[in-house]
Amino acid sequence: IPLSVRDNERLMLQQRGRAVAELGVKPMYRSYAFGAFFANLSGNSNAAGLHQAGSGRCMVDTERGLMLGHSPGVAYDGPGVAIQSTLKVYRVAVRASHGNESESAKNERIKNANLRLFKHMPTHFELVAWPSVIAYSFTWKTWGHVLTSGLNEIQFSDEPWNQLVLPKRTKELLFASSLFNLSGAPGVGDLIK
């Protein structure tokens, strides 16, 4: 069934689809606007199930969120239930992998589960991309989903660091200790500031 949308709606849907595609590639640190974050129903009891009205910061991490059982939305309607069901099949297929399994064997198992995965979202899917992505809110200390329209890149500033009143040597030590390993076993990850 062809999708009939006005030009301005098509543009908005394409932009949302591109944002979802970009956010699904790797974990990204973002800020979210007032009312854009929704806590998962099973999580921190202080935040579970609530539409979080405040703004805050989050880590958009689709892969980790999926493996932990989270979803980019709530399954109240047909599309939401379909997404939940498909994600469950995907999790089962991925978790069945073995540490020494070849990429082709993993792909074959996913294909046998009737799933089709893309390295890049096809442009014709941009119009039907789900409007939210999985994220961990640092503000609420819980997983949930966040509307892509409410996400922004964080603009970091060196100003507070420059105004910090400490001896130069102390500031150098603090700066040096802010390097840490983000992923993998000790000694194999990338060091970043």
C-alpha atoms as a PDB file:
ATOM      1  CA  ILE A   1       0.000   0.000   0.000  1.00  0.00           C
ATOM      2  CA  PRO A   2       1.626   3.284  -1.042  1.00  0.00           C
ATOM      3  CA  LEU A   3       2.141   5.814   1.696  1.00  0.00           C
ATOM      4  CA  SER A   4       0.452   9.111   0.918  1.00  0.00           C
ATOM      5  CA  VAL A   5       2.062  12.068   2.680  1.00  0.00           C
ATOM      6  CA  ARG A   6       2.442  15.761   2.001  1.00  0.00           C
ATOM      7  CA  ASP A   7       5.879  17.104   1.106  1.00  0.00           C
ATOM      8  CA  ASN A   8       6.425  18.709   4.521  1.00  0.00           C
ATOM      9  CA  GLU A   9       5.392  15.469   6.273  1.00  0.00           C
ATOM     10  CA  ARG A  10       7.651  13.434   3.991  1.00  0.00           C
ATOM     11  CA  LEU A  11      10.604  15.691   4.829  1.00  0.00           C
ATOM     12  CA  MET A  12       9.924  15.396   8.577  1.00  0.00           C
ATOM     13  CA  LEU A  13       9.643  11.586   8.337  1.00  0.00           C
ATOM     14  CA  GLN A  14      12.846  11.348   6.276  1.00  0.00           C
ATOM     15  CA  GLN A  15      14.733  13.475   8.806  1.00  0.00           C
ATOM     16  CA  ARG A  16      13.462  11.284  11.637  1.00  0.00           C
ATOM     17  CA  GLY A  17      14.470   8.146   9.735  1.00  0.00           C
ATOM     18  CA  ARG A  18      17.971   9.507   9.155  1.00  0.00           C
ATOM     19  CA  ALA A  19      18.276  10.396  12.838  1.00  0.00           C
ATOM     20  CA  VAL A  20      17.221   6.862  13.861  1.00  0.00           C
ATOM     21  CA  ALA A  21      19.726   5.369  11.404  1.00  0.00           C
ATOM     22  CA  GLU A  22      22.551   7.569  12.724  1.00  0.00           C
ATOM     23  CA  LEU A  23      21.717   6.878  16.365  1.00  0.00           C
ATOM     24  CA  GLY A  24      21.625   3.115  15.833  1.00  0.00           C
ATOM     25  CA  VAL A  25      25.218   2.846  14.630  1.00  0.00           C
ATOM     26  CA  LYS A  26      27.147   3.316  17.880  1.00  0.00           C
ATOM     27  CA  PRO A  27      26.544   4.581  21.421  1.00  0.00           C
ATOM     28  CA  MET A  28      26.101   8.358  21.509  1.00  0.00           C
ATOM     29  CA  TYR A  29      25.995  10.795  24.399  1.00  0.00           C
ATOM     30  CA  ARG A  30      23.121  13.253  23.919  1.00  0.00           C
ATOM     31  CA  SER A  31      20.935  15.708  25.772  1.00  0.00           C
ATOM     32  CA  TYR A  32      17.177  15.351  25.633  1.00  0.00           C
ATOM     33  CA  ALA A  33      14.514  18.012  25.770  1.00  0.00           C
ATOM     34  CA  PHE A  34      11.719  18.466  28.272  1.00  0.00           C
ATOM     35  CA  GLY A  35       9.242  15.584  27.906  1.00  0.00           C
ATOM     36  CA  ALA A  36      11.288  13.491  25.432  1.00  0.00           C
ATOM     37  CA  PHE A  37      12.404  10.639  27.754  1.00  0.00           C
ATOM     38  CA  PHE A  38      10.123   7.784  28.844  1.00  0.00           C
ATOM     39  CA  ALA A  39      11.366   5.374  31.523  1.00  0.00           C
ATOM     40  CA  ASN A  40      10.860   1.645  30.957  1.00  0.00           C
ATOM     41  CA  LEU A  41       8.158  -0.085  32.951  1.00  0.00           C
ATOM     42  CA  SER A  42      10.651  -2.422  34.608  1.00  0.00           C
ATOM     43  CA  GLY A  43      13.434  -0.386  36.042  1.00  0.00           C
ATOM     44  CA  ASN A  44      14.263   1.994  38.803  1.00  0.00           C
ATOM     45  CA  SER A  45      11.134   2.047  40.966  1.00  0.00           C
ATOM     46  CA  ASN A  46      11.378   5.829  41.301  1.00  0.00           C
ATOM     47  CA  ALA A  47      11.101   6.356  37.560  1.00  0.00           C
ATOM     48  CA  ALA A  48       9.489   3.210  36.090  1.00  0.00           C
ATOM     49  CA  GLY A  49       6.605   3.760  33.753  1.00  0.00           C
ATOM     50  CA  LEU A  50       6.696   7.511  34.039  1.00  0.00           C
ATOM     51  CA  HIS A  51       6.917  10.016  31.249  1.00  0.00           C
ATOM     52  CA  GLN A  52       9.892  11.971  32.519  1.00  0.00           C
ATOM     53  CA  ALA A  53       8.944  15.604  32.165  1.00  0.00           C
ATOM     54  CA  GLY A  54      12.381  17.098  32.751  1.00  0.00           C
ATOM     55  CA  SER A  55      15.261  17.465  30.374  1.00  0.00           C
ATOM     56  CA  GLY A  56      18.542  15.665  30.881  1.00  0.00           C
ATOM     57  CA  ARG A  57      21.405  13.715  29.380  1.00  0.00           C
ATOM     58  CA  CYS A  58      21.452  10.166  28.107  1.00  0.00           C
ATOM     59  CA  MET A  59      23.480   7.533  26.334  1.00  0.00           C
ATOM     60  CA  VAL A  60      21.690   6.292  23.226  1.00  0.00           C
ATOM     61  CA  ASP A  61      22.888   2.690  22.983  1.00  0.00           C
ATOM     62  CA  THR A  62      20.604   0.555  20.860  1.00  0.00           C
ATOM     63  CA  GLU A  63      22.696  -2.612  20.868  1.00  0.00           C
ATOM     64  CA  ARG A  64      23.289  -2.774  24.633  1.00  0.00           C
ATOM     65  CA  GLY A  65      19.692  -1.758  25.325  1.00  0.00           C
ATOM     66  CA  LEU A  66      18.363  -4.540  23.078  1.00  0.00           C
ATOM     67  CA  MET A  67      20.580  -7.158  24.698  1.00  0.00           C
ATOM     68  CA  LEU A  68      19.359  -6.051  28.132  1.00  0.00           C
ATOM     69  CA  GLY A  69      15.763  -6.531  27.012  1.00  0.00           C
ATOM     70  CA  HIS A  70      14.769  -2.915  26.393  1.00  0.00           C
ATOM     71  CA  SER A  71      12.722  -1.631  23.497  1.00  0.00           C
ATOM     72  CA  PRO A  72      12.437   1.664  21.608  1.00  0.00           C
ATOM     73  CA  GLY A  73       8.797   1.944  22.649  1.00  0.00           C
ATOM     74  CA  VAL A  74       5.934   0.475  24.610  1.00  0.00           C
ATOM     75  CA  ALA A  75       3.915  -2.405  23.132  1.00  0.00           C
ATOM     76  CA  TYR A  76       0.380  -1.038  23.450  1.00  0.00           C
ATOM     77  CA  ASP A  77      -0.654  -1.257  19.800  1.00  0.00           C
ATOM     78  CA  GLY A  78      -0.021  -3.411  16.732  1.00  0.00           C
ATOM     79  CA  PRO A  79       3.276  -1.809  15.664  1.00  0.00           C
ATOM     80  CA  GLY A  80       4.579  -1.780  19.251  1.00  0.00           C
ATOM     81  CA  VAL A  81       3.741  -5.469  19.733  1.00  0.00           C
ATOM     82  CA  ALA A  82       5.353  -6.284  16.363  1.00  0.00           C
ATOM     83  CA  ILE A  83       8.553  -4.487  17.385  1.00  0.00           C
ATOM     84  CA  GLN A  84       8.621  -6.283  20.768  1.00  0.00           C
ATOM     85  CA  SER A  85       8.095  -9.691  19.114  1.00  0.00           C
ATOM     86  CA  THR A  86      10.770  -9.090  16.477  1.00  0.00           C
ATOM     87  CA  LEU A  87      13.251  -7.874  19.093  1.00  0.00           C
ATOM     88  CA  LYS A  88      12.660 -11.026  21.135  1.00  0.00           C
ATOM     89  CA  VAL A  89      13.465 -13.220  18.106  1.00  0.00           C
ATOM     90  CA  TYR A  90      16.584 -11.113  17.432  1.00  0.00           C
ATOM     91  CA  ARG A  91      17.808 -11.383  21.045  1.00  0.00           C
ATOM     92  CA  VAL A  92      17.349 -15.158  21.032  1.00  0.00           C
ATOM     93  CA  ALA A  93      19.244 -15.463  17.732  1.00  0.00           C
ATOM     94  CA  VAL A  94      22.138 -13.273  18.901  1.00  0.00           C
ATOM     95  CA  ARG A  95      22.399 -14.864  22.346  1.00  0.00           C
ATOM     96  CA  ALA A  96      22.645 -18.308  20.744  1.00  0.00           C
ATOM     97  CA  SER A  97      25.990 -17.343  19.204  1.00  0.00           C
ATOM     98  CA  HIS A  98      29.215 -18.854  20.413  1.00  0.00           C
ATOM     99  CA  GLY A  99      32.400 -16.924  21.109  1.00  0.00           C
ATOM    100  CA  ASN A 100      34.280 -18.594  18.248  1.00  0.00           C
ATOM    101  CA  GLU A 101      31.380 -18.583  15.785  1.00  0.00           C
ATOM    102  CA  SER A 102      32.070 -17.201  12.320  1.00  0.00           C
ATOM    103  CA  GLU A 103      30.240 -14.144  11.046  1.00  0.00           C
ATOM    104  CA  SER A 104      28.672 -16.225   8.257  1.00  0.00           C
ATOM    105  CA  ALA A 105      27.301 -18.751  10.785  1.00  0.00           C
ATOM    106  CA  LYS A 106      25.805 -15.925  12.844  1.00  0.00           C
ATOM    107  CA  ASN A 107      24.249 -14.391   9.729  1.00  0.00           C
ATOM    108  CA  GLU A 108      22.822 -17.767   8.709  1.00  0.00           C
ATOM    109  CA  ARG A 109      21.191 -18.231  12.128  1.00  0.00           C
ATOM    110  CA  ILE A 110      19.645 -14.741  11.899  1.00  0.00           C
ATOM    111  CA  LYS A 111      18.423 -15.515   8.360  1.00  0.00           C
ATOM    112  CA  ASN A 112      16.892 -18.798   9.593  1.00  0.00           C
ATOM    113  CA  ALA A 113      14.999 -16.754  12.216  1.00  0.00           C
ATOM    114  CA  ASN A 114      13.373 -14.878   9.282  1.00  0.00           C
ATOM    115  CA  LEU A 115      15.148 -11.642  10.199  1.00  0.00           C
ATOM    116  CA  ARG A 116      16.743  -9.261   7.744  1.00  0.00           C
ATOM    117  CA  LEU A 117      19.448  -6.979   9.101  1.00  0.00           C
ATOM    118  CA  PHE A 118      20.923  -3.986   7.312  1.00  0.00           C
ATOM    119  CA  LYS A 119      24.291  -2.325   7.855  1.00  0.00           C
ATOM    120  CA  HIS A 120      22.646   0.924   6.693  1.00  0.00           C
ATOM    121  CA  MET A 121      18.962   1.752   6.731  1.00  0.00           C
ATOM    122  CA  PRO A 122      17.538   1.705   3.186  1.00  0.00           C
ATOM    123  CA  THR A 123      16.164   5.112   2.250  1.00  0.00           C
ATOM    124  CA  HIS A 124      12.689   3.710   1.593  1.00  0.00           C
ATOM    125  CA  PHE A 125      12.487   2.765   5.297  1.00  0.00           C
ATOM    126  CA  GLU A 126      13.110   6.345   6.423  1.00  0.00           C
ATOM    127  CA  LEU A 127       9.411   7.166   6.128  1.00  0.00           C
ATOM    128  CA  VAL A 128       8.378   4.411   8.546  1.00  0.00           C
ATOM    129  CA  ALA A 129      11.168   4.619  11.152  1.00  0.00           C
ATOM    130  CA  TRP A 130      10.037   4.377  14.760  1.00  0.00           C
ATOM    131  CA  PRO A 131      10.107   7.837  16.419  1.00  0.00           C
ATOM    132  CA  SER A 132      12.151   6.819  19.462  1.00  0.00           C
ATOM    133  CA  VAL A 133      15.386   5.013  20.322  1.00  0.00           C
ATOM    134  CA  ILE A 134      16.648   3.116  23.365  1.00  0.00           C
ATOM    135  CA  ALA A 135      18.622   5.218  25.835  1.00  0.00           C
ATOM    136  CA  TYR A 136      19.940   5.226  29.381  1.00  0.00           C
ATOM    137  CA  SER A 137      19.072   8.441  31.211  1.00  0.00           C
ATOM    138  CA  PHE A 138      21.853   9.694  33.463  1.00  0.00           C
ATOM    139  CA  THR A 139      19.332  12.074  34.981  1.00  0.00           C
ATOM    140  CA  TRP A 140      16.863   9.333  36.039  1.00  0.00           C
ATOM    141  CA  LYS A 141      19.436   6.493  36.250  1.00  0.00           C
ATOM    142  CA  THR A 142      17.243   4.143  34.273  1.00  0.00           C
ATOM    143  CA  TRP A 143      16.755   2.727  30.775  1.00  0.00           C
ATOM    144  CA  GLY A 144      13.927   3.897  28.600  1.00  0.00           C
ATOM    145  CA  HIS A 145      13.232   5.329  25.205  1.00  0.00           C
ATOM    146  CA  VAL A 146      13.676   8.860  23.981  1.00  0.00           C
ATOM    147  CA  LEU A 147      12.012  10.672  21.098  1.00  0.00           C
ATOM    148  CA  THR A 148      14.518  11.383  18.349  1.00  0.00           C
ATOM    149  CA  SER A 149      12.958  14.813  17.853  1.00  0.00           C
ATOM    150  CA  GLY A 150      13.942  15.683  21.431  1.00  0.00           C
ATOM    151  CA  LEU A 151      17.635  14.751  21.133  1.00  0.00           C
ATOM    152  CA  ASN A 152      20.482  17.222  20.686  1.00  0.00           C
ATOM    153  CA  GLU A 153      24.243  16.994  20.545  1.00  0.00           C
ATOM    154  CA  ILE A 154      25.874  18.167  23.748  1.00  0.00           C
ATOM    155  CA  GLN A 155      27.895  21.322  23.422  1.00  0.00           C
ATOM    156  CA  PHE A 156      30.816  20.945  25.790  1.00  0.00           C
ATOM    157  CA  SER A 157      32.618  23.968  27.146  1.00  0.00           C
ATOM    158  CA  ASP A 158      36.155  24.376  28.501  1.00  0.00           C
ATOM    159  CA  GLU A 159      35.096  27.495  30.390  1.00  0.00           C
ATOM    160  CA  PRO A 160      34.334  25.809  33.764  1.00  0.00           C
ATOM    161  CA  TRP A 161      37.690  23.982  33.652  1.00  0.00           C
ATOM    162  CA  ASN A 162      39.531  27.186  32.860  1.00  0.00           C
ATOM    163  CA  GLN A 163      37.828  28.959  35.772  1.00  0.00           C
ATOM    164  CA  LEU A 164      38.642  26.169  38.251  1.00  0.00           C
ATOM    165  CA  VAL A 165      40.866  27.621  40.977  1.00  0.00           C
ATOM    166  CA  LEU A 166      43.474  24.914  41.564  1.00  0.00           C
ATOM    167  CA  PRO A 167      47.248  24.740  41.240  1.00  0.00           C
ATOM    168  CA  LYS A 168      48.345  23.933  37.686  1.00  0.00           C
ATOM    169  CA  ARG A 169      49.921  20.607  38.726  1.00  0.00           C
ATOM    170  CA  THR A 170      46.674  19.479  40.405  1.00  0.00           C
ATOM    171  CA  LYS A 171      44.687  20.346  37.279  1.00  0.00           C
ATOM    172  CA  GLU A 172      47.165  18.368  35.150  1.00  0.00           C
ATOM    173  CA  LEU A 173      46.776  15.309  37.414  1.00  0.00           C
ATOM    174  CA  LEU A 174      42.992  15.572  37.312  1.00  0.00           C
ATOM    175  CA  PHE A 175      43.056  15.884  33.540  1.00  0.00           C
ATOM    176  CA  ALA A 176      45.396  12.881  33.201  1.00  0.00           C
ATOM    177  CA  SER A 177      43.127  10.763  35.427  1.00  0.00           C
ATOM    178  CA  SER A 178      40.130  11.589  33.246  1.00  0.00           C
ATOM    179  CA  LEU A 179      41.468   9.204  30.582  1.00  0.00           C
ATOM    180  CA  PHE A 180      39.795   5.849  30.895  1.00  0.00           C
ATOM    181  CA  ASN A 181      39.132   2.621  29.007  1.00  0.00           C
ATOM    182  CA  LEU A 182      35.626   2.570  27.523  1.00  0.00           C
ATOM    183  CA  SER A 183      35.278  -0.963  26.189  1.00  0.00           C
ATOM    184  CA  GLY A 184      36.784  -4.407  26.018  1.00  0.00           C
ATOM    185  CA  ALA A 185      39.119  -6.220  28.336  1.00  0.00           C
ATOM    186  CA  PRO A 186      41.752  -4.175  30.182  1.00  0.00           C
ATOM    187  CA  GLY A 187      44.437  -3.031  27.806  1.00  0.00           C
ATOM    188  CA  VAL A 188      42.515  -3.529  24.566  1.00  0.00           C
ATOM    189  CA  GLY A 189      40.068  -0.624  24.484  1.00  0.00           C
ATOM    190  CA  ASP A 190      40.505   2.847  23.116  1.00  0.00           C
ATOM    191  CA  LEU A 191      41.597   5.570  25.489  1.00  0.00           C
ATOM    192  CA  ILE A 192      39.545   8.700  25.209  1.00  0.00           C
ATOM    193  CA  LYS A 193      39.101  11.834  27.211  1.00  0.00           C
END
